[in-house]
Structures are given as structure tokens and as C-alpha cells.
C-alpha atoms as a PDB file:
ATOM      1  CA  MET A   1       0.452  -0.170   0.252  1.00  0.00           C
ATOM      2  CA  LEU A   2       2.486   2.255   0.761  1.00  0.00           C
ATOM      3  CA  ARG A   3       4.594   1.754  -2.155  1.00  0.00           C
ATOM      4  CA  ALA A   4       1.183   2.099  -4.083  1.00  0.00           C
ATOM      5  CA  VAL A   5       0.037   5.482  -2.620  1.00  0.00           C
ATOM      6  CA  GLY A   6       3.712   6.612  -2.706  1.00  0.00           C
ATOM      7  CA  LEU A   7       3.828   6.123  -6.887  1.00  0.00           C
ATOM      8  CA  LEU A   8       0.216   7.874  -7.183  1.00  0.00           C
ATOM      9  CA  GLY A   9       1.412  11.033  -5.300  1.00  0.00           C
ATOM     10  CA  LEU A  10       5.050  10.943  -7.014  1.00  0.00           C
ATOM     11  CA  ALA A  11       3.574  10.665 -10.635  1.00  0.00           C
ATOM     12  CA  LEU A  12       1.900  14.256  -9.832  1.00  0.00           C
ATOM     13  CA  VAL A  13       4.743  16.637  -8.866  1.00  0.00           C
ATOM     14  CA  ILE A  14       8.724  16.514 -10.448  1.00  0.00           C
ATOM     15  CA  ALA A  15       9.474  13.281 -10.218  1.00  0.00           C
ATOM     16  CA  ALA A  16      13.780  13.568  -9.432  1.00  0.00           C
ATOM     17  CA  CYS A  17      16.041  13.705  -7.338  1.00  0.00           C
ATOM     18  CA  SER A  18      18.899  15.665  -8.276  1.00  0.00           C
ATOM     19  CA  LYS A  19      22.527  16.766  -7.982  1.00  0.00           C
ATOM     20  CA  GLN A  20      22.377  20.317  -9.552  1.00  0.00           C
ATOM     21  CA  PRO A  21      20.289  22.958 -11.377  1.00  0.00           C
ATOM     22  CA  ALA A  22      19.830  21.492 -15.383  1.00  0.00           C
ATOM     23  CA  SER A  23      21.023  22.514 -18.569  1.00  0.00           C
ATOM     24  CA  SER A  24      18.506  21.982 -21.929  1.00  0.00           C
ATOM     25  CA  GLU A  25      21.533  20.314 -23.515  1.00  0.00           C
ATOM     26  CA  ARG A  26      22.675  17.168 -23.481  1.00  0.00           C
ATOM     27  CA  ALA A  27      25.686  17.713 -25.207  1.00  0.00           C
ATOM     28  CA  GLN A  28      28.549  15.181 -24.174  1.00  0.00           C
ATOM     29  CA  PRO A  29      32.088  16.464 -22.677  1.00  0.00           C
ATOM     30  CA  ASN A  30      34.385  15.365 -25.011  1.00  0.00           C
ATOM     31  CA  ALA A  31      32.371  16.061 -28.397  1.00  0.00           C
ATOM     32  CA  PRO A  32      33.607  19.545 -29.737  1.00  0.00           C
ATOM     33  CA  ALA A  33      30.930  22.048 -30.375  1.00  0.00           C
ATOM     34  CA  ALA A  34      28.248  19.416 -29.629  1.00  0.00           C
ATOM     35  CA  THR A  35      24.595  20.606 -29.041  1.00  0.00           C
ATOM     36  CA  THR A  36      21.895  18.117 -29.137  1.00  0.00           C
ATOM     37  CA  ALA A  37      19.819  17.884 -31.795  1.00  0.00           C
ATOM     38  CA  SER A  38      16.585  19.203 -29.808  1.00  0.00           C
ATOM     39  CA  THR A  39      15.563  20.422 -26.522  1.00  0.00           C
ATOM     40  CA  GLN A  40      13.247  20.126 -23.651  1.00  0.00           C
ATOM     41  CA  PRO A  41      11.928  22.816 -21.230  1.00  0.00           C
ATOM     42  CA  ALA A  42      14.765  23.124 -18.756  1.00  0.00           C
ATOM     43  CA  ARG A  43      14.051  20.841 -15.385  1.00  0.00           C
ATOM     44  CA  PRO A  44      14.463  22.923 -12.342  1.00  0.00           C
ATOM     45  CA  ARG A  45      16.421  21.024 -10.183  1.00  0.00           C
ATOM     46  CA  ALA A  46      17.715  22.368  -6.191  1.00  0.00           C
ATOM     47  CA  GLY A  47      20.970  21.617  -5.294  1.00  0.00           C
ATOM     48  CA  ALA A  48      22.404  18.607  -3.898  1.00  0.00           C
ATOM     49  CA  PRO A  49      22.314  17.200  -0.694  1.00  0.00           C
ATOM     50  CA  ALA A  50      25.060  16.874   2.208  1.00  0.00           C
ATOM     51  CA  ALA A  51      24.016  13.208   2.425  1.00  0.00           C
ATOM     52  CA  PRO A  52      21.782  10.737   1.799  1.00  0.00           C
ATOM     53  CA  SER A  53      19.004  10.485   3.729  1.00  0.00           C
ATOM     54  CA  PRO A  54      15.659   7.626   3.533  1.00  0.00           C
ATOM     55  CA  LEU A  55      13.070   9.954   2.392  1.00  0.00           C
ATOM     56  CA  GLY A  56      13.651  13.299   0.842  1.00  0.00           C
ATOM     57  CA  ALA A  57      13.807  15.356  -2.349  1.00  0.00           C
ATOM     58  CA  PRO A  58      16.741  18.350  -2.019  1.00  0.00           C
ATOM     59  CA  ASN A  59      16.466  21.436  -1.041  1.00  0.00           C
ATOM     60  CA  GLU A  60      18.556  24.432  -2.110  1.00  0.00           C
ATOM     61  CA  ASN A  61      19.910  24.718   1.230  1.00  0.00           C
ATOM     62  CA  GLY A  62      20.543  21.229   1.444  1.00  0.00           C
ATOM     63  CA  SER A  63      17.825  19.828   3.733  1.00  0.00           C
ATOM     64  CA  GLU A  64      15.685  17.229   2.290  1.00  0.00           C
ATOM     65  CA  THR A  65      11.954  16.696   1.829  1.00  0.00           C
ATOM     66  CA  VAL A  66       9.322  14.739   0.447  1.00  0.00           C
ATOM     67  CA  ASP A  67       7.762  16.786  -2.581  1.00  0.00           C
ATOM     68  CA  GLU A  68       3.916  17.668  -2.237  1.00  0.00           C
ATOM     69  CA  ALA A  69       1.978  18.226  -5.459  1.00  0.00           C
ATOM     70  CA  ALA A  70       0.395  21.168  -2.880  1.00  0.00           C
ATOM     71  CA  GLY A  71       3.987  22.753  -2.778  1.00  0.00           C
ATOM     72  CA  ASP A  72       4.447  22.768  -6.550  1.00  0.00           C
ATOM     73  CA  SER A  73       5.299  26.248  -7.403  1.00  0.00           C
ATOM     74  CA  GLY A  74       3.361  28.096 -10.675  1.00  0.00           C
ATOM     75  CA  ALA A  75       6.232  27.597 -12.830  1.00  0.00           C
ATOM     76  CA  HIS A  76       6.465  23.809 -12.181  1.00  0.00           C
ATOM     77  CA  ASN A  77       2.512  23.456 -12.632  1.00  0.00           C
ATOM     78  CA  ALA A  78       2.589  24.887 -16.109  1.00  0.00           C
ATOM     79  CA  LEU A  79       5.357  22.969 -16.653  1.00  0.00           C
ATOM     80  CA  PHE A  80       3.852  19.890 -15.807  1.00  0.00           C
ATOM     81  CA  ALA A  81       0.625  21.548 -17.486  1.00  0.00           C
ATOM     82  CA  ALA A  82       2.602  21.935 -20.690  1.00  0.00           C
ATOM     83  CA  VAL A  83       3.770  18.807 -20.843  1.00  0.00           C
ATOM     84  CA  ALA A  84       0.779  16.572 -20.195  1.00  0.00           C
ATOM     85  CA  SER A  85      -1.174  18.634 -22.781  1.00  0.00           C
ATOM     86  CA  ALA A  86       1.699  17.587 -25.227  1.00  0.00           C
ATOM     87  CA  VAL A  87       0.818  13.968 -24.518  1.00  0.00           C
ATOM     88  CA  ALA A  88      -2.846  14.237 -24.973  1.00  0.00           C
ATOM     89  CA  ALA A  89      -2.790  15.809 -27.753  1.00  0.00           C
ATOM     90  CA  ALA A  90      -0.275  13.560 -29.605  1.00  0.00           C
ATOM     91  CA  THR A  91      -2.036  10.398 -31.399  1.00  0.00           C
ATOM     92  CA  SER A  92      -2.865   6.994 -29.918  1.00  0.00           C
ATOM     93  CA  SER A  93      -0.684   5.011 -31.361  1.00  0.00           C
ATOM     94  CA  ALA A  94       1.389   2.746 -29.052  1.00  0.00           C
ATOM     95  CA  SER A  95       5.023   3.072 -30.762  1.00  0.00           C
ATOM     96  CA  ALA A  96       7.214   5.358 -32.442  1.00  0.00           C
ATOM     97  CA  GLN A  97       7.614   5.089 -35.973  1.00  0.00           C
ATOM     98  CA  SER A  98      10.276   7.133 -36.390  1.00  0.00           C
ATOM     99  CA  LEU A  99      11.860  10.588 -34.747  1.00  0.00           C
ATOM    100  CA  SER A 100      10.651  13.321 -36.787  1.00  0.00           C
ATOM    101  CA  GLY A 101       7.002  12.338 -38.175  1.00  0.00           C
ATOM    102  CA  PRO A 102       3.750  12.865 -36.172  1.00  0.00           C
ATOM    103  CA  THR A 103       4.096   9.829 -33.454  1.00  0.00           C
ATOM    104  CA  LEU A 104       2.847   9.835 -29.687  1.00  0.00           C
ATOM    105  CA  TRP A 105       6.184  10.451 -28.655  1.00  0.00           C
ATOM    106  CA  GLN A 106       8.008  13.915 -29.828  1.00  0.00           C
ATOM    107  CA  ASP A 107      11.684  14.240 -29.928  1.00  0.00           C
ATOM    108  CA  GLY A 108      12.300  17.363 -27.266  1.00  0.00           C
ATOM    109  CA  VAL A 109       9.414  16.982 -25.304  1.00  0.00           C
ATOM    110  CA  ASN A 110       9.243  13.904 -24.376  1.00  0.00           C
ATOM    111  CA  TYR A 111      12.903  12.426 -25.059  1.00  0.00           C
ATOM    112  CA  THR A 112      16.077  14.438 -25.446  1.00  0.00           C
ATOM    113  CA  ARG A 113      19.129  12.904 -28.087  1.00  0.00           C
ATOM    114  CA  VAL A 114      22.257  12.602 -27.249  1.00  0.00           C
ATOM    115  CA  VAL A 115      24.633  14.149 -29.559  1.00  0.00           C
ATOM    116  CA  PRO A 116      26.943  12.668 -30.251  1.00  0.00           C
ATOM    117  CA  ALA A 117      25.508   9.381 -29.877  1.00  0.00           C
ATOM    118  CA  GLN A 118      27.418   7.727 -27.764  1.00  0.00           C
ATOM    119  CA  PRO A 119      28.710   3.801 -27.810  1.00  0.00           C
ATOM    120  CA  THR A 120      27.144   1.069 -25.759  1.00  0.00           C
ATOM    121  CA  ALA A 121      28.728  -1.855 -23.968  1.00  0.00           C
ATOM    122  CA  VAL A 122      26.109  -4.294 -25.475  1.00  0.00           C
ATOM    123  CA  ALA A 123      26.242  -7.239 -28.148  1.00  0.00           C
ATOM    124  CA  ALA A 124      25.668  -6.484 -31.671  1.00  0.00           C
ATOM    125  CA  GLY A 125      21.712  -6.870 -32.141  1.00  0.00           C
ATOM    126  CA  GLN A 126      20.794  -5.749 -28.858  1.00  0.00           C
ATOM    127  CA  VAL A 127      20.132  -2.193 -27.479  1.00  0.00           C
ATOM    128  CA  GLU A 128      21.083  -0.760 -24.396  1.00  0.00           C
ATOM    129  CA  VAL A 129      18.694   0.481 -21.684  1.00  0.00           C
ATOM    130  CA  LEU A 130      20.171   2.117 -18.687  1.00  0.00           C
ATOM    131  CA  GLU A 131      18.247   2.968 -15.353  1.00  0.00           C
ATOM    132  CA  PHE A 132      20.506   5.816 -13.337  1.00  0.00           C
ATOM    133  CA  PHE A 133      18.987   5.901 -10.080  1.00  0.00           C
ATOM    134  CA  TRP A 134      19.876   6.270  -6.236  1.00  0.00           C
ATOM    135  CA  TYR A 135      18.579   4.050  -3.897  1.00  0.00           C
ATOM    136  CA  ALA A 136      17.870   7.238  -0.999  1.00  0.00           C
ATOM    137  CA  CYS A 137      15.773   8.520  -3.933  1.00  0.00           C
ATOM    138  CA  PRO A 138      12.155   8.229  -3.298  1.00  0.00           C
ATOM    139  CA  HIS A 139      11.085   8.861  -7.371  1.00  0.00           C
ATOM    140  CA  CYS A 140      13.303   5.871  -7.890  1.00  0.00           C
ATOM    141  CA  TYR A 141      11.723   4.134  -5.261  1.00  0.00           C
ATOM    142  CA  ALA A 142       8.272   4.380  -6.697  1.00  0.00           C
ATOM    143  CA  LEU A 143       9.199   3.504  -9.905  1.00  0.00           C
ATOM    144  CA  GLU A 144      10.442   0.296  -9.066  1.00  0.00           C
ATOM    145  CA  PRO A 145       7.304  -1.036  -8.871  1.00  0.00           C
ATOM    146  CA  LEU A 146       7.201  -1.084 -12.461  1.00  0.00           C
ATOM    147  CA  VAL A 147      10.778  -0.953 -13.419  1.00  0.00           C
ATOM    148  CA  GLU A 148      11.251  -4.872 -12.345  1.00  0.00           C
ATOM    149  CA  PRO A 149       8.043  -6.229 -14.383  1.00  0.00           C
ATOM    150  CA  TRP A 150       9.121  -4.520 -17.299  1.00  0.00           C
ATOM    151  CA  ASN A 151      12.451  -5.919 -16.830  1.00  0.00           C
ATOM    152  CA  LYS A 152      10.854  -8.946 -16.553  1.00  0.00           C
ATOM    153  CA  SER A 153       8.657  -8.985 -19.886  1.00  0.00           C
ATOM    154  CA  LYS A 154      11.209  -7.119 -22.198  1.00  0.00           C
ATOM    155  CA  PRO A 155      12.003  -8.253 -25.100  1.00  0.00           C
ATOM    156  CA  ALA A 156      15.153 -10.169 -25.721  1.00  0.00           C
ATOM    157  CA  TYR A 157      16.779  -7.674 -27.618  1.00  0.00           C
ATOM    158  CA  ILE A 158      16.918  -5.233 -24.790  1.00  0.00           C
ATOM    159  CA  SER A 159      19.950  -5.153 -22.914  1.00  0.00           C
ATOM    160  CA  PHE A 160      18.938  -3.766 -19.237  1.00  0.00           C
ATOM    161  CA  SER A 161      21.254  -2.414 -16.738  1.00  0.00           C
ATOM    162  CA  ARG A 162      21.066  -0.404 -13.270  1.00  0.00           C
ATOM    163  CA  VAL A 163      23.575   2.388 -12.907  1.00  0.00           C
ATOM    164  CA  PRO A 164      24.063   3.803  -8.948  1.00  0.00           C
ATOM    165  CA  VAL A 165      24.998   7.908  -9.253  1.00  0.00           C
ATOM    166  CA  THR A 166      28.088   8.528  -7.748  1.00  0.00           C
ATOM    167  CA  TRP A 167      27.884  12.422  -7.463  1.00  0.00           C
ATOM    168  CA  SER A 168      29.485  12.779  -3.854  1.00  0.00           C
ATOM    169  CA  GLU A 169      30.420  10.578  -0.855  1.00  0.00           C
ATOM    170  CA  GLY A 170      27.264   9.945   0.552  1.00  0.00           C
ATOM    171  CA  TYR A 171      26.008   8.424  -2.995  1.00  0.00           C
ATOM    172  CA  ARG A 172      28.951   6.857  -3.621  1.00  0.00           C
ATOM    173  CA  SER A 173      28.669   4.655  -0.388  1.00  0.00           C
ATOM    174  CA  LEU A 174      25.167   3.377  -1.685  1.00  0.00           C
ATOM    175  CA  ALA A 175      26.453   2.896  -5.098  1.00  0.00           C
ATOM    176  CA  ARG A 176      29.247   0.963  -3.353  1.00  0.00           C
ATOM    177  CA  LEU A 177      26.943  -1.168  -1.789  1.00  0.00           C
ATOM    178  CA  PHE A 178      25.433  -1.912  -4.925  1.00  0.00           C
ATOM    179  CA  TYR A 179      27.919  -3.482  -6.780  1.00  0.00           C
ATOM    180  CA  THR A 180      29.129  -5.279  -3.237  1.00  0.00           C
ATOM    181  CA  LEU A 181      25.703  -7.105  -3.495  1.00  0.00           C
ATOM    182  CA  LYS A 182      26.145  -7.438  -7.521  1.00  0.00           C
ATOM    183  CA  SER A 183      29.718  -9.252  -6.779  1.00  0.00           C
ATOM    184  CA  LEU A 184      28.468 -11.546  -4.445  1.00  0.00           C
ATOM    185  CA  GLY A 185      25.274 -12.539  -6.539  1.00  0.00           C
ATOM    186  CA  LYS A 186      23.127 -11.368  -3.825  1.00  0.00           C
ATOM    187  CA  LEU A 187      21.755  -8.353  -6.195  1.00  0.00           C
ATOM    188  CA  ASP A 188      19.002  -9.607  -8.030  1.00  0.00           C
ATOM    189  CA  ALA A 189      17.371 -11.193  -3.662  1.00  0.00           C
ATOM    190  CA  LEU A 190      18.545  -7.654  -2.134  1.00  0.00           C
ATOM    191  CA  HIS A 191      18.190  -4.753  -4.675  1.00  0.00           C
ATOM    192  CA  GLU A 192      14.508  -4.113  -3.390  1.00  0.00           C
ATOM    193  CA  GLU A 193      15.407  -5.294   0.209  1.00  0.00           C
ATOM    194  CA  VAL A 194      18.025  -2.100   0.013  1.00  0.00           C
ATOM    195  CA  PHE A 195      15.094   0.317  -0.968  1.00  0.00           C
ATOM    196  CA  LYS A 196      12.646  -0.834   2.094  1.00  0.00           C
ATOM    197  CA  GLU A 197      15.197  -1.019   4.098  1.00  0.00           C
ATOM    198  CA  ILE A 198      16.088   2.758   3.485  1.00  0.00           C
ATOM    199  CA  HIS A 199      12.443   3.742   2.933  1.00  0.00           C
ATOM    200  CA  VAL A 200      10.053   1.714   4.908  1.00  0.00           C
ATOM    201  CA  ASN A 201      12.306   1.126   7.596  1.00  0.00           C
ATOM    202  CA  GLY A 202      14.208   4.371   8.035  1.00  0.00           C
ATOM    203  CA  ASP A 203      17.515   3.191   7.834  1.00  0.00           C
ATOM    204  CA  PRO A 204      19.839   5.538   5.615  1.00  0.00           C
ATOM    205  CA  LEU A 205      22.232   2.637   5.251  1.00  0.00           C
ATOM    206  CA  VAL A 206      24.974   5.761   5.163  1.00  0.00           C
ATOM    207  CA  ALA A 207      26.961   7.212   7.885  1.00  0.00           C
ATOM    208  CA  PRO A 208      25.831  10.343   9.521  1.00  0.00           C
ATOM    209  CA  ASP A 209      28.831  12.081   8.218  1.00  0.00           C
ATOM    210  CA  PRO A 210      28.858  10.660   4.640  1.00  0.00           C
ATOM    211  CA  GLU A 211      32.787  11.389   4.371  1.00  0.00           C
ATOM    212  CA  ASN A 212      32.902   8.635   7.304  1.00  0.00           C
ATOM    213  CA  GLY A 213      33.559   5.859   4.877  1.00  0.00           C
ATOM    214  CA  ALA A 214      34.420   3.086   7.038  1.00  0.00           C
ATOM    215  CA  GLU A 215      31.626   3.543   9.179  1.00  0.00           C
ATOM    216  CA  SER A 216      28.738   3.480   6.711  1.00  0.00           C
ATOM    217  CA  GLU A 217      30.815  -0.197   5.368  1.00  0.00           C
ATOM    218  CA  ARG A 218      30.119  -1.074   8.896  1.00  0.00           C
ATOM    219  CA  ILE A 219      26.227  -0.040   8.907  1.00  0.00           C
ATOM    220  CA  GLN A 220      26.207  -2.029   5.308  1.00  0.00           C
ATOM    221  CA  ALA A 221      27.902  -5.065   6.526  1.00  0.00           C
ATOM    222  CA  ALA A 222      25.360  -5.017   9.707  1.00  0.00           C
ATOM    223  CA  PHE A 223      22.406  -4.753   6.926  1.00  0.00           C
ATOM    224  CA  ALA A 224      23.846  -7.455   4.595  1.00  0.00           C
ATOM    225  CA  LYS A 225      24.350  -9.824   7.571  1.00  0.00           C
ATOM    226  CA  LYS A 226      20.818  -9.826   8.408  1.00  0.00           C
ATOM    227  CA  HIS A 227      20.047 -11.248   4.929  1.00  0.00           C
ATOM    228  CA  GLY A 228      22.865 -13.701   5.300  1.00  0.00           C
ATOM    229  CA  ILE A 229      26.104 -12.314   4.204  1.00  0.00           C
ATOM    230  CA  SER A 230      28.770 -13.015   6.268  1.00  0.00           C
ATOM    231  CA  GLU A 231      30.785  -9.912   7.121  1.00  0.00           C
ATOM    232  CA  ASP A 232      33.784 -11.230   5.829  1.00  0.00           C
ATOM    233  CA  ALA A 233      32.542 -12.258   2.648  1.00  0.00           C
ATOM    234  CA  PHE A 234      30.673  -8.422   2.469  1.00  0.00           C
ATOM    235  CA  HIS A 235      34.101  -6.678   3.655  1.00  0.00           C
ATOM    236  CA  SER A 236      36.175  -8.450   1.421  1.00  0.00           C
ATOM    237  CA  ALA A 237      33.842  -8.066  -1.542  1.00  0.00           C
ATOM    238  CA  TYR A 238      33.571  -4.343  -0.904  1.00  0.00           C
ATOM    239  CA  HIS A 239      37.054  -3.601  -1.462  1.00  0.00           C
ATOM    240  CA  SER A 240      37.336  -6.521  -4.428  1.00  0.00           C
ATOM    241  CA  PHE A 241      38.556  -5.113  -7.937  1.00  0.00           C
ATOM    242  CA  PRO A 242      34.781  -5.738  -9.549  1.00  0.00           C
ATOM    243  CA  VAL A 243      33.676  -3.491  -7.622  1.00  0.00           C
ATOM    244  CA  ASP A 244      36.807  -0.864  -7.735  1.00  0.00           C
ATOM    245  CA  ASN A 245      36.256  -1.568 -12.011  1.00  0.00           C
ATOM    246  CA  ASP A 246      32.001  -0.968 -11.619  1.00  0.00           C
ATOM    247  CA  MET A 247      32.673   2.070  -9.812  1.00  0.00           C
ATOM    248  CA  GLN A 248      35.095   3.227 -12.322  1.00  0.00           C
ATOM    249  CA  LYS A 249      32.211   2.818 -14.750  1.00  0.00           C
ATOM    250  CA  ALA A 250      29.675   4.127 -13.436  1.00  0.00           C
ATOM    251  CA  ASP A 251      31.771   7.423 -12.584  1.00  0.00           C
ATOM    252  CA  GLU A 252      32.482   7.440 -16.081  1.00  0.00           C
ATOM    253  CA  LEU A 253      28.593   6.614 -17.285  1.00  0.00           C
ATOM    254  CA  VAL A 254      27.489   9.386 -14.998  1.00  0.00           C
ATOM    255  CA  GLN A 255      29.780  11.874 -16.284  1.00  0.00           C
ATOM    256  CA  ARG A 256      29.478  11.181 -20.125  1.00  0.00           C
ATOM    257  CA  TYR A 257      25.469  11.453 -20.216  1.00  0.00           C
ATOM    258  CA  ARG A 258      25.527  14.490 -17.371  1.00  0.00           C
ATOM    259  CA  ILE A 259      23.476  12.741 -15.169  1.00  0.00           C
ATOM    260  CA  ASP A 260      21.722  15.128 -12.793  1.00  0.00           C
ATOM    261  CA  GLY A 261      18.748  14.154 -11.568  1.00  0.00           C
ATOM    262  CA  VAL A 262      17.461  10.522 -10.931  1.00  0.00           C
ATOM    263  CA  PRO A 263      15.753   8.275 -12.027  1.00  0.00           C
ATOM    264  CA  THR A 264      16.488   8.775 -15.934  1.00  0.00           C
ATOM    265  CA  PHE A 265      17.005   6.235 -18.744  1.00  0.00           C
ATOM    266  CA  VAL A 266      19.656   6.420 -21.570  1.00  0.00           C
ATOM    267  CA  ILE A 267      18.230   4.297 -24.950  1.00  0.00           C
ATOM    268  CA  ASN A 268      21.348   2.847 -26.649  1.00  0.00           C
ATOM    269  CA  GLY A 269      23.431   5.754 -26.072  1.00  0.00           C
ATOM    270  CA  LYS A 270      20.843   8.066 -28.126  1.00  0.00           C
ATOM    271  CA  TYR A 271      17.964   9.244 -26.253  1.00  0.00           C
ATOM    272  CA  ILE A 272      17.649  10.514 -22.700  1.00  0.00           C
ATOM    273  CA  ALA A 273      14.024  10.576 -20.839  1.00  0.00           C
ATOM    274  CA  ASP A 274      12.745  10.315 -17.368  1.00  0.00           C
ATOM    275  CA  VAL A 275       9.208  11.012 -15.853  1.00  0.00           C
ATOM    276  CA  ARG A 276       8.396  14.738 -16.189  1.00  0.00           C
ATOM    277  CA  THR A 277       9.354  14.073 -20.146  1.00  0.00           C
ATOM    278  CA  ALA A 278       7.487  11.112 -20.536  1.00  0.00           C
ATOM    279  CA  GLY A 279       4.374  12.387 -18.858  1.00  0.00           C
ATOM    280  CA  SER A 280       3.858   9.666 -16.140  1.00  0.00           C
ATOM    281  CA  PRO A 281       6.005   6.576 -14.788  1.00  0.00           C
ATOM    282  CA  GLU A 282       3.676   4.361 -17.048  1.00  0.00           C
ATOM    283  CA  LYS A 283       4.156   6.638 -20.417  1.00  0.00           C
ATOM    284  CA  LEU A 284       8.042   6.467 -19.236  1.00  0.00           C
ATOM    285  CA  MET A 285       8.450   2.493 -19.529  1.00  0.00           C
ATOM    286  CA  SER A 286       6.322   2.816 -22.481  1.00  0.00           C
ATOM    287  CA  LEU A 287       8.370   5.235 -23.758  1.00  0.00           C
ATOM    288  CA  VAL A 288      11.824   3.358 -23.039  1.00  0.00           C
ATOM    289  CA  SER A 289      10.352   0.249 -25.030  1.00  0.00           C
ATOM    290  CA  ASP A 290       8.833   2.232 -28.190  1.00  0.00           C
ATOM    291  CA  LEU A 291      12.483   3.950 -28.493  1.00  0.00           C
ATOM    292  CA  ALA A 292      14.147   0.419 -27.497  1.00  0.00           C
ATOM    293  CA  ALA A 293      12.227  -1.236 -30.490  1.00  0.00           C
ATOM    294  CA  LEU A 294      13.074   1.755 -32.943  1.00  0.00           C
ATOM    295  CA  GLU A 295      16.451   1.110 -32.156  1.00  0.00           C
ATOM    296  CA  HIS A 296      16.154  -2.755 -32.658  1.00  0.00           C
ATOM    297  CA  LYS A 297      14.662  -2.197 -36.380  1.00  0.00           C
ATOM    298  CA  HIS A 298      17.506   0.186 -37.071  1.00  0.00           C
END
């Protein structure tokens, strides 16, 4: 019930946790004079939190509060109405046939192109879909009941990976927890449990001082022990080469796509979309599927 209520409420507000104010462009830092092929309305983002907290969206003063629809600004209401109006006025086609024709999904409104398109890390014939997320983000938690069923039923040509953001030490600590569980072969079993520990049980799984990595590690090891992982195995994996390597790759992807808010999806190195641009959590998953299908046809 908590997750259902959270999903409904968060669909009506700015559905993203953010690092810093975002640019409307998605150009890549190493691309000379690169620009986006089209732009979307700039997404107002608050400043990064000093440390992750169980239930909150960052405020400019560094604190976090859960977004409330009643607290939205007039500018936000106008933006949300504009996106909703654009979606409602679109055709009823369930999938995009091109990127420029009159389709359900509008370039620059529902998704943003990545210019230049980035290389992917999947086999030929596969379409890469990345979800950038943060365990302490309430919006990521609210979206998870849609992401997981989609992941299980998606077409075989979609290669899906989650990428935890690594903006600062508090974020990096939870990212390392993600990759430690992956290294131990426990991610599938405990991914949802990490979300619940933070958002239901109120345990942030990060030290009060996010710079205190040893304390965060101790807290996370205690969580892992509750779920059958020995402390020795956890600590060994936590500092292993595979986890360090995964962390480095996450850093590179976050920087490559200039991720400044979560949850955010990147489709095949070419398109970026989130709940705001798609119009709702359900529409976001449909949009991701449609853009992936379009890439598969090409």
C-alpha cells in the first residue's frame, strides 16, 4: 500500500532527485561543439544534499523533504500542464514509427537526443537501456514496481542495466553497496530489500557524516549480515577489484551523459528520458520500450 500511494503521489510532482541545476542540452563533454538535436524545457533542479536521507528530495539549503503536489510552484504547474497537454494531444499510436513524424512521442518534449550518440557496451543486435538511480531517492523507489516487471517481460533484444549515481561520497557509498551485492551474487535477492531498508525502515544505510566511509561500510555490513551474508565476505567484496572497476564505469557513465537527476533512462546511447518528459511513470516505461524497439529496427 505504501508503494502504491507513493507512486500515485509522485506521478503528480517533479519526479526526480537532483544533483544540481540542469542544462537543457545533453551534449557530451568530449564532443567538439556538440549540441543537442532538440531541447526540452529546462528542468528546475535543487542543489545536491549534503548526505543521503531515507525519504527526501533535495532543497536548496541542503535539507531534504518529500515533494508535495500542493507545494508546487506556478512555474512547475505550468510546465507539467504543458507536458501533459502535449501527451494528450498526440496520436494514440502505441509505438514510435520515426523520430520526426506525428507520433505519440515528441522529440524535445518526451525525450532528448544525445549528441553525439555514445557507444554502448552490448553485443551486436542488442539495444542498451540504462537506468540511473539512487537508493535513497523516493522517486526511484516509487518507480521500481514498474521497472522490475518491465525488466522481466522486456523483449530479448533489450539489454538492461541499472547504474547508481556517484555524485559525492554519500551517493558513492550506496553505489558501492549496489556493486558489492552484485559481486556477491545477491543483487537480485536484495535490491528491493535495500530500497525497503531505507524508505520503509528508515535506515539510510549511510553514516551521518557521509565522508566517514568506514562507518557507512559497517552499517551496510550489518544490513548484509541480516540477510545471510557474512561480514568477512561483505568486506572482502566491498574492496575487491570487480567492485572498484564497476564504480569506475559508473563514474564514467554518469559523467558521459551528464546525469544530474534520477531516475533517468538512457536508450542505446542516443536518447534520454525521465518521468517528467514522458508524462507519468507508466508512460516512461512505454517510451523506453518504444525507443528501444525503434533502435532495434534500425
